[in-house]
Amino acid sequence: MRLRVILVALAVSLIASAQMKLSHAQLTEFIQSAVTLHQDDRKVAEYLKKVQLTERISDRDVEELQGLGAGPKTVAELHRLRDESAALPVPKPLPPKPVYVPPPPPDSVEQLIATTYAALIAPARKRAVGREKSRRSFKRTTI
């Protein structure tokens, strides 16, 4: 008899702890994905009945999720969760999204011109000057 009572108490405690605990961010992500995947409003609402929140949600949060496309049954469950989570702590603010910063240009334009000149134009100019000198000396010897 005692064994049965212990097993029943254990089963009840397991069932009670089987409720999903979601944070504010997880709940928002779940509703967004449900709307994106066009999941049935009734099934989403049934799932939300089994959910416990770890952070408070506000009327504004519920309205934002409704604006994303949550159905009436889901919104009713969100209102219920809002009322249940009134005593919970406020959610932590999300970290800011990383901002793309383009890499700086390699050098200033003047430095780029100077390096291009040094690498390409200066050797070509030396060769041209060398050819001109050899032509002059050739002209002097032939005339």
Protein backbone atom coordinates (compact mmCIF):
# COMPACT_ATOMS: atom_id res chain seq x y z
CA MET A 1 0.00 0.00 0.00
CA ARG A 2 2.77 2.44 0.90
CA LEU A 3 4.53 1.65 -2.35
CA ARG A 4 1.42 2.63 -4.32
CA VAL A 5 1.10 5.92 -2.46
CA ILE A 6 4.76 6.70 -3.09
CA LEU A 7 4.42 5.82 -6.78
CA VAL A 8 1.28 7.97 -7.14
CA ALA A 9 3.00 10.90 -5.41
CA LEU A 10 6.03 10.47 -7.66
CA ALA A 11 3.84 10.34 -10.78
CA VAL A 12 1.95 13.48 -9.74
CA SER A 13 5.16 15.36 -9.06
CA LEU A 14 6.57 14.30 -12.44
CA ILE A 15 3.42 15.41 -14.24
CA ALA A 16 3.46 18.75 -12.41
CA SER A 17 7.10 19.33 -13.30
CA ALA A 18 6.54 18.30 -16.91
CA GLN A 19 5.17 21.73 -17.73
CA MET A 20 7.43 23.62 -20.11
CA LYS A 21 9.12 26.69 -18.71
CA LEU A 22 9.77 29.43 -21.24
CA SER A 23 11.45 32.78 -20.97
CA HIS A 24 10.10 35.92 -22.57
CA ALA A 25 12.47 35.58 -25.54
CA GLN A 26 11.64 31.89 -26.05
CA LEU A 27 7.90 32.62 -25.98
CA THR A 28 8.29 35.42 -28.53
CA GLU A 29 10.41 33.20 -30.78
CA PHE A 30 7.88 30.37 -30.50
CA ILE A 31 4.94 32.58 -31.48
CA GLN A 32 6.91 34.11 -34.37
CA SER A 33 7.82 30.68 -35.73
CA ALA A 34 4.25 29.42 -35.30
CA VAL A 35 2.95 32.38 -37.30
CA THR A 36 5.63 31.97 -39.95
CA LEU A 37 4.91 28.25 -40.32
CA HIS A 38 1.13 28.90 -40.41
CA GLN A 39 0.46 26.53 -37.51
CA ASP A 40 -3.12 26.02 -36.39
CA ASP A 41 -4.19 28.61 -33.81
CA ARG A 42 -5.95 25.98 -31.73
CA LYS A 43 -2.82 23.80 -31.47
CA VAL A 44 -0.64 26.76 -30.51
CA ALA A 45 -3.15 27.75 -27.82
CA GLU A 46 -3.24 24.17 -26.48
CA TYR A 47 0.54 24.17 -26.25
CA LEU A 48 0.53 27.51 -24.42
CA LYS A 49 -1.84 26.03 -21.81
CA LYS A 50 1.02 23.71 -20.78
CA VAL A 51 3.60 26.49 -20.57
CA GLN A 52 4.87 28.29 -17.49
CA LEU A 53 6.77 31.52 -17.90
CA THR A 54 9.97 32.40 -16.08
CA GLU A 55 9.64 36.13 -16.82
CA ARG A 56 6.83 38.63 -16.95
CA ILE A 57 5.09 39.53 -20.21
CA SER A 58 3.26 42.80 -20.64
CA ASP A 59 0.23 44.00 -22.55
CA ARG A 60 2.60 45.51 -25.09
CA ASP A 61 4.24 42.12 -25.67
CA VAL A 62 0.85 40.49 -26.19
CA GLU A 63 -0.15 43.23 -28.64
CA GLU A 64 3.11 42.86 -30.56
CA LEU A 65 2.59 39.12 -30.89
CA GLN A 66 -0.99 39.70 -31.95
CA GLY A 67 0.27 42.16 -34.56
CA LEU A 68 2.63 39.50 -35.90
CA GLY A 69 -0.38 37.35 -36.68
CA ALA A 70 -1.20 35.30 -33.57
CA GLY A 71 -4.78 34.02 -33.69
CA PRO A 72 -7.56 34.84 -31.21
CA LYS A 73 -7.16 31.63 -29.17
CA THR A 74 -3.42 32.15 -28.92
CA VAL A 75 -3.97 35.75 -27.86
CA ALA A 76 -6.43 34.60 -25.18
CA GLU A 77 -3.77 32.21 -23.83
CA LEU A 78 -1.19 34.99 -23.95
CA HIS A 79 -3.53 37.16 -21.85
CA ARG A 80 -3.84 34.28 -19.36
CA LEU A 81 -0.05 33.92 -19.26
CA ARG A 82 0.29 37.68 -18.80
CA ASP A 83 -2.01 37.56 -15.77
CA GLU A 84 -0.15 34.55 -14.31
CA SER A 85 3.25 36.14 -14.84
CA ALA A 86 2.42 39.45 -13.15
CA ALA A 87 4.48 38.54 -10.06
CA LEU A 88 7.49 37.29 -12.03
CA PRO A 89 10.63 39.37 -12.66
CA VAL A 90 10.90 41.69 -15.63
CA PRO A 91 12.76 40.10 -18.58
CA LYS A 92 16.38 41.04 -19.09
CA PRO A 93 16.92 43.30 -22.08
CA LEU A 94 18.21 41.50 -25.15
CA PRO A 95 21.79 42.22 -26.14
CA PRO A 96 22.02 44.62 -29.09
CA LYS A 97 22.42 43.12 -32.51
CA PRO A 98 25.94 43.39 -33.85
CA VAL A 99 26.36 46.32 -36.21
CA TYR A 100 28.29 45.76 -39.42
CA VAL A 101 31.26 48.06 -39.65
CA PRO A 102 32.86 48.06 -43.09
CA PRO A 103 36.61 47.63 -43.11
CA PRO A 104 38.62 50.82 -43.48
CA PRO A 105 39.98 51.62 -46.91
CA PRO A 106 43.44 50.15 -47.46
CA ASP A 107 45.22 53.54 -47.62
CA SER A 108 44.42 57.06 -48.50
CA VAL A 109 44.07 57.82 -52.18
CA GLU A 110 47.38 59.68 -52.30
CA GLN A 111 49.25 56.77 -50.75
CA LEU A 112 47.55 54.41 -53.17
CA ILE A 113 48.66 56.57 -56.11
CA ALA A 114 52.20 56.80 -54.74
CA THR A 115 52.52 53.05 -54.28
CA THR A 116 51.06 52.40 -57.73
CA TYR A 117 53.50 54.91 -59.22
CA ALA A 118 56.42 53.36 -57.40
CA ALA A 119 55.44 49.83 -58.36
CA LEU A 120 54.36 50.30 -61.99
CA ILE A 121 55.16 53.66 -63.52
CA ALA A 122 58.65 54.33 -62.14
CA PRO A 123 60.21 51.11 -63.55
CA ALA A 124 58.58 51.73 -66.93
CA ARG A 125 59.90 55.29 -66.93
CA LYS A 126 63.42 54.04 -66.15
CA ARG A 127 63.26 51.62 -69.04
CA ALA A 128 62.01 54.36 -71.37
CA VAL A 129 64.76 56.75 -70.28
CA GLY A 130 67.32 54.00 -70.77
CA ARG A 131 66.06 53.35 -74.29
CA GLU A 132 66.19 57.06 -75.08
CA LYS A 133 69.81 57.25 -73.94
CA SER A 134 70.75 54.28 -76.04
CA ARG A 135 69.03 55.85 -79.06
CA ARG A 136 70.95 59.10 -78.58
CA SER A 137 74.21 57.25 -78.38
CA PHE A 138 73.25 55.24 -81.46
CA LYS A 139 72.39 58.45 -83.35
CA ARG A 140 75.69 60.05 -82.39
CA THR A 141 77.68 57.12 -83.64
CA THR A 142 75.82 56.75 -86.92
CA ILE A 143 75.83 60.36 -88.03
